[in-house]
PDB file of N, CA and C in Angstrom:
ATOM      1  N   MET A   1      37.961 -72.809  22.224  1.00  0.00           N
ATOM      2  CA  MET A   1      37.225 -73.376  21.123  1.00  0.00           C
ATOM      3  C   MET A   1      37.484 -72.512  19.890  1.00  0.00           C
ATOM      4  N   THR A   2      37.682 -73.163  18.772  1.00  0.00           N
ATOM      5  CA  THR A   2      37.935 -72.468  17.528  1.00  0.00           C
ATOM      6  C   THR A   2      36.814 -72.789  16.547  1.00  0.00           C
ATOM      7  N   SER A   3      36.369 -71.781  15.834  1.00  0.00           N
ATOM      8  CA  SER A   3      35.344 -71.996  14.815  1.00  0.00           C
ATOM      9  C   SER A   3      35.691 -71.178  13.578  1.00  0.00           C
ATOM     10  N   PHE A   4      34.996 -71.477  12.497  1.00  0.00           N
ATOM     11  CA  PHE A   4      35.238 -70.786  11.232  1.00  0.00           C
ATOM     12  C   PHE A   4      34.027 -69.934  10.901  1.00  0.00           C
ATOM     13  N   ASN A   5      34.247 -68.652  10.648  1.00  0.00           N
ATOM     14  CA  ASN A   5      33.200 -67.721  10.276  1.00  0.00           C
ATOM     15  C   ASN A   5      33.094 -67.726   8.747  1.00  0.00           C
ATOM     16  N   PHE A   6      32.014 -68.298   8.221  1.00  0.00           N
ATOM     17  CA  PHE A   6      31.874 -68.432   6.776  1.00  0.00           C
ATOM     18  C   PHE A   6      31.575 -67.104   6.086  1.00  0.00           C
ATOM     19  N   ARG A   7      31.009 -66.148   6.782  1.00  0.00           N
ATOM     20  CA  ARG A   7      30.748 -64.840   6.170  1.00  0.00           C
ATOM     21  C   ARG A   7      32.035 -64.086   5.905  1.00  0.00           C
ATOM     22  N   ASN A   8      32.913 -64.067   6.915  1.00  0.00           N
ATOM     23  CA  ASN A   8      34.173 -63.326   6.776  1.00  0.00           C
ATOM     24  C   ASN A   8      35.314 -64.210   6.305  1.00  0.00           C
ATOM     25  N   ARG A   9      35.086 -65.519   6.254  1.00  0.00           N
ATOM     26  CA  ARG A   9      36.113 -66.505   5.903  1.00  0.00           C
ATOM     27  C   ARG A   9      37.329 -66.363   6.799  1.00  0.00           C
ATOM     28  N   GLN A  10      37.079 -66.339   8.105  1.00  0.00           N
ATOM     29  CA  GLN A  10      38.147 -66.204   9.084  1.00  0.00           C
ATOM     30  C   GLN A  10      37.927 -67.198  10.219  1.00  0.00           C
ATOM     31  N   HIS A  11      39.026 -67.648  10.801  1.00  0.00           N
ATOM     32  CA  HIS A  11      38.956 -68.485  12.000  1.00  0.00           C
ATOM     33  C   HIS A  11      38.874 -67.563  13.209  1.00  0.00           C
ATOM     34  N   VAL A  12      37.968 -67.845  14.122  1.00  0.00           N
ATOM     35  CA  VAL A  12      37.844 -67.071  15.346  1.00  0.00           C
ATOM     36  C   VAL A  12      37.958 -68.016  16.526  1.00  0.00           C
ATOM     37  N   THR A  13      38.377 -67.475  17.658  1.00  0.00           N
ATOM     38  CA  THR A  13      38.542 -68.276  18.864  1.00  0.00           C
ATOM     39  C   THR A  13      37.633 -67.750  19.963  1.00  0.00           C
ATOM     40  N   TYR A  14      37.040 -68.665  20.698  1.00  0.00           N
ATOM     41  CA  TYR A  14      36.169 -68.321  21.817  1.00  0.00           C
ATOM     42  C   TYR A  14      36.741 -68.949  23.080  1.00  0.00           C
ATOM     43  N   ALA A  15      36.792 -68.191  24.149  1.00  0.00           N
ATOM     44  CA  ALA A  15      37.248 -68.708  25.436  1.00  0.00           C
ATOM     45  C   ALA A  15      36.118 -68.511  26.441  1.00  0.00           C
ATOM     46  N   SER A  16      35.655 -69.597  27.032  1.00  0.00           N
ATOM     47  CA  SER A  16      34.554 -69.503  27.979  1.00  0.00           C
ATOM     48  C   SER A  16      34.703 -70.573  29.048  1.00  0.00           C
ATOM     49  N   ALA A  17      33.984 -70.375  30.141  1.00  0.00           N
ATOM     50  CA  ALA A  17      33.944 -71.340  31.232  1.00  0.00           C
ATOM     51  C   ALA A  17      32.563 -71.273  31.861  1.00  0.00           C
ATOM     52  N   GLY A  18      32.186 -72.328  32.527  1.00  0.00           N
ATOM     53  CA  GLY A  18      30.873 -72.329  33.156  1.00  0.00           C
ATOM     54  C   GLY A  18      30.645 -73.586  33.956  1.00  0.00           C
ATOM     55  N   GLY A  19      29.468 -73.651  34.536  1.00  0.00           N
ATOM     56  CA  GLY A  19      29.104 -74.812  35.328  1.00  0.00           C
ATOM     57  C   GLY A  19      27.600 -74.929  35.436  1.00  0.00           C
ATOM     58  N   GLU A  20      27.159 -76.090  35.854  1.00  0.00           N
ATOM     59  CA  GLU A  20      25.727 -76.308  36.017  1.00  0.00           C
ATOM     60  C   GLU A  20      25.495 -77.289  37.158  1.00  0.00           C
ATOM     61  N   VAL A  21      24.356 -77.116  37.818  1.00  0.00           N
ATOM     62  CA  VAL A  21      23.950 -77.971  38.927  1.00  0.00           C
ATOM     63  C   VAL A  21      22.498 -78.359  38.694  1.00  0.00           C
ATOM     64  N   TYR A  22      22.220 -79.653  38.745  1.00  0.00           N
ATOM     65  CA  TYR A  22      20.852 -80.154  38.573  1.00  0.00           C
ATOM     66  C   TYR A  22      20.442 -80.969  39.789  1.00  0.00           C
ATOM     67  N   PHE A  23      19.189 -80.851  40.132  1.00  0.00           N
ATOM     68  CA  PHE A  23      18.626 -81.607  41.246  1.00  0.00           C
ATOM     69  C   PHE A  23      17.453 -82.436  40.723  1.00  0.00           C
ATOM     70  N   ASP A  24      17.434 -83.693  41.067  1.00  0.00           N
ATOM     71  CA  ASP A  24      16.324 -84.584  40.727  1.00  0.00           C
ATOM     72  C   ASP A  24      15.589 -84.935  42.014  1.00  0.00           C
ATOM     73  N   THR A  25      14.275 -84.827  42.003  1.00  0.00           N
ATOM     74  CA  THR A  25      13.479 -85.102  43.188  1.00  0.00           C
ATOM     75  C   THR A  25      12.117 -85.634  42.778  1.00  0.00           C
ATOM     76  N   LYS A  26      11.338 -86.018  43.732  1.00  0.00           N
ATOM     77  CA  LYS A  26       9.962 -86.443  43.476  1.00  0.00           C
ATOM     78  C   LYS A  26       9.041 -85.605  44.344  1.00  0.00           C
ATOM     79  N   ILE A  27       8.034 -85.028  43.718  1.00  0.00           N
ATOM     80  CA  ILE A  27       7.048 -84.220  44.437  1.00  0.00           C
ATOM     81  C   ILE A  27       5.983 -85.160  44.989  1.00  0.00           C
ATOM     82  N   GLY A  28       5.801 -85.110  46.283  1.00  0.00           N
ATOM     83  CA  GLY A  28       4.813 -85.979  46.911  1.00  0.00           C
ATOM     84  C   GLY A  28       5.170 -87.450  46.787  1.00  0.00           C
ATOM     85  N   ASN A  29       6.451 -87.727  46.555  1.00  0.00           N
ATOM     86  CA  ASN A  29       6.953 -89.096  46.404  1.00  0.00           C
ATOM     87  C   ASN A  29       6.298 -89.816  45.224  1.00  0.00           C
ATOM     88  N   VAL A  30       5.725 -89.057  44.277  1.00  0.00           N
ATOM     89  CA  VAL A  30       5.033 -89.654  43.136  1.00  0.00           C
ATOM     90  C   VAL A  30       5.520 -89.060  41.811  1.00  0.00           C
ATOM     91  N   LEU A  31       5.547 -87.727  41.722  1.00  0.00           N
ATOM     92  CA  LEU A  31       5.827 -87.041  40.468  1.00  0.00           C
ATOM     93  C   LEU A  31       7.313 -86.683  40.352  1.00  0.00           C
ATOM     94  N   PRO A  32       8.039 -87.284  39.393  1.00  0.00           N
ATOM     95  CA  PRO A  32       9.451 -86.927  39.216  1.00  0.00           C
ATOM     96  C   PRO A  32       9.596 -85.478  38.730  1.00  0.00           C
ATOM     97  N   PHE A  33      10.567 -84.769  39.298  1.00  0.00           N
ATOM     98  CA  PHE A  33      10.752 -83.358  38.975  1.00  0.00           C
ATOM     99  C   PHE A  33      12.242 -83.040  39.007  1.00  0.00           C
ATOM    100  N   SER A  34      12.747 -82.391  37.952  1.00  0.00           N
ATOM    101  CA  SER A  34      14.146 -81.983  37.871  1.00  0.00           C
ATOM    102  C   SER A  34      14.230 -80.476  37.698  1.00  0.00           C
ATOM    103  N   PHE A  35      15.194 -79.870  38.357  1.00  0.00           N
ATOM    104  CA  PHE A  35      15.446 -78.441  38.155  1.00  0.00           C
ATOM    105  C   PHE A  35      16.930 -78.194  38.340  1.00  0.00           C
ATOM    106  N   GLY A  36      17.390 -77.094  37.762  1.00  0.00           N
ATOM    107  CA  GLY A  36      18.804 -76.810  37.841  1.00  0.00           C
ATOM    108  C   GLY A  36      19.129 -75.381  37.486  1.00  0.00           C
ATOM    109  N   MET A  37      20.402 -75.066  37.647  1.00  0.00           N
ATOM    110  CA  MET A  37      20.915 -73.742  37.330  1.00  0.00           C
ATOM    111  C   MET A  37      22.157 -73.903  36.475  1.00  0.00           C
ATOM    112  N   ARG A  38      22.356 -72.944  35.588  1.00  0.00           N
ATOM    113  CA  ARG A  38      23.512 -72.974  34.699  1.00  0.00           C
ATOM    114  C   ARG A  38      24.099 -71.581  34.609  1.00  0.00           C
ATOM    115  N   TYR A  39      25.427 -71.486  34.616  1.00  0.00           N
ATOM    116  CA  TYR A  39      26.114 -70.208  34.470  1.00  0.00           C
ATOM    117  C   TYR A  39      27.262 -70.403  33.485  1.00  0.00           C
ATOM    118  N   SER A  40      27.396 -69.480  32.565  1.00  0.00           N
ATOM    119  CA  SER A  40      28.534 -69.499  31.643  1.00  0.00           C
ATOM    120  C   SER A  40      29.036 -68.079  31.451  1.00  0.00           C
ATOM    121  N   HIS A  41      30.322 -67.966  31.192  1.00  0.00           N
ATOM    122  CA  HIS A  41      30.949 -66.657  31.038  1.00  0.00           C
ATOM    123  C   HIS A  41      31.866 -66.698  29.823  1.00  0.00           C
ATOM    124  N   LEU A  42      31.686 -65.755  28.908  1.00  0.00           N
ATOM    125  CA  LEU A  42      32.544 -65.616  27.741  1.00  0.00           C
ATOM    126  C   LEU A  42      33.664 -64.650  28.094  1.00  0.00           C
ATOM    127  N   PHE A  43      34.905 -65.136  28.064  1.00  0.00           N
ATOM    128  CA  PHE A  43      36.041 -64.317  28.478  1.00  0.00           C
ATOM    129  C   PHE A  43      36.341 -63.184  27.507  1.00  0.00           C
ATOM    130  N   ASN A  44      36.241 -63.452  26.210  1.00  0.00           N
ATOM    131  CA  ASN A  44      36.509 -62.390  25.236  1.00  0.00           C
ATOM    132  C   ASN A  44      35.195 -61.996  24.563  1.00  0.00           C
ATOM    133  N   ASP A  45      34.733 -60.793  24.839  1.00  0.00           N
ATOM    134  CA  ASP A  45      33.458 -60.316  24.309  1.00  0.00           C
ATOM    135  C   ASP A  45      33.494 -60.130  22.795  1.00  0.00           C
ATOM    136  N   ASN A  46      34.637 -59.786  22.261  1.00  0.00           N
ATOM    137  CA  ASN A  46      34.790 -59.588  20.825  1.00  0.00           C
ATOM    138  C   ASN A  46      35.875 -60.543  20.342  1.00  0.00           C
ATOM    139  N   PRO A  47      35.501 -61.766  19.929  1.00  0.00           N
ATOM    140  CA  PRO A  47      36.510 -62.765  19.556  1.00  0.00           C
ATOM    141  C   PRO A  47      37.409 -62.265  18.440  1.00  0.00           C
ATOM    142  N   GLY A  48      38.691 -62.484  18.604  1.00  0.00           N
ATOM    143  CA  GLY A  48      39.659 -62.028  17.607  1.00  0.00           C
ATOM    144  C   GLY A  48      39.981 -63.097  16.598  1.00  0.00           C
ATOM    145  N   ILE A  49      40.707 -62.708  15.596  1.00  0.00           N
ATOM    146  CA  ILE A  49      41.121 -63.607  14.524  1.00  0.00           C
ATOM    147  C   ILE A  49      42.375 -64.339  14.988  1.00  0.00           C
ATOM    148  N   LEU A  50      42.406 -65.645  14.761  1.00  0.00           N
ATOM    149  CA  LEU A  50      43.625 -66.400  15.050  1.00  0.00           C
ATOM    150  C   LEU A  50      44.680 -66.042  14.026  1.00  0.00           C
ATOM    151  N   ARG A  51      45.852 -65.748  14.484  1.00  0.00           N
ATOM    152  CA  ARG A  51      46.935 -65.362  13.583  1.00  0.00           C
ATOM    153  C   ARG A  51      47.480 -66.577  12.861  1.00  0.00           C
ATOM    154  N   GLY A  52      47.788 -66.420  11.590  1.00  0.00           N
ATOM    155  CA  GLY A  52      48.423 -67.472  10.824  1.00  0.00           C
ATOM    156  C   GLY A  52      47.484 -68.549  10.311  1.00  0.00           C
ATOM    157  N   ARG A  53      46.180 -68.347  10.371  1.00  0.00           N
ATOM    158  CA  ARG A  53      45.237 -69.345   9.878  1.00  0.00           C
ATOM    159  C   ARG A  53      44.260 -68.700   8.902  1.00  0.00           C
ATOM    160  N   GLY A  54      44.716 -68.420   7.744  1.00  0.00           N
ATOM    161  CA  GLY A  54      43.833 -67.903   6.716  1.00  0.00           C
ATOM    162  C   GLY A  54      43.478 -66.439   6.863  1.00  0.00           C
ATOM    163  N   ALA A  55      44.127 -65.743   7.759  1.00  0.00           N
ATOM    164  CA  ALA A  55      43.844 -64.319   7.923  1.00  0.00           C
ATOM    165  C   ALA A  55      44.490 -63.559   6.775  1.00  0.00           C
ATOM    166  N   SER A  56      43.752 -62.672   6.170  1.00  0.00           N
ATOM    167  CA  SER A  56      44.281 -61.898   5.050  1.00  0.00           C
ATOM    168  C   SER A  56      44.683 -60.512   5.519  1.00  0.00           C
ATOM    169  N   SER A  57      45.754 -60.467   6.352  1.00  0.00           N
ATOM    170  CA  SER A  57      46.197 -59.172   6.859  1.00  0.00           C
ATOM    171  C   SER A  57      47.547 -58.803   6.300  1.00  0.00           C
TER     172      SER A  57
END
């Protein structure tokens, strides 16, 4: 994913992956109830500047 940092006026790239699991059930066969878990991981902790896209180096 690529985004633009308006403070620094630079394009930055983020690499991440993740997943989620949700369960839908009824409590006592009357009350609908949903719960789930989500996990995500950011591969680069300090996103770098994309080369050749407005970088002033």
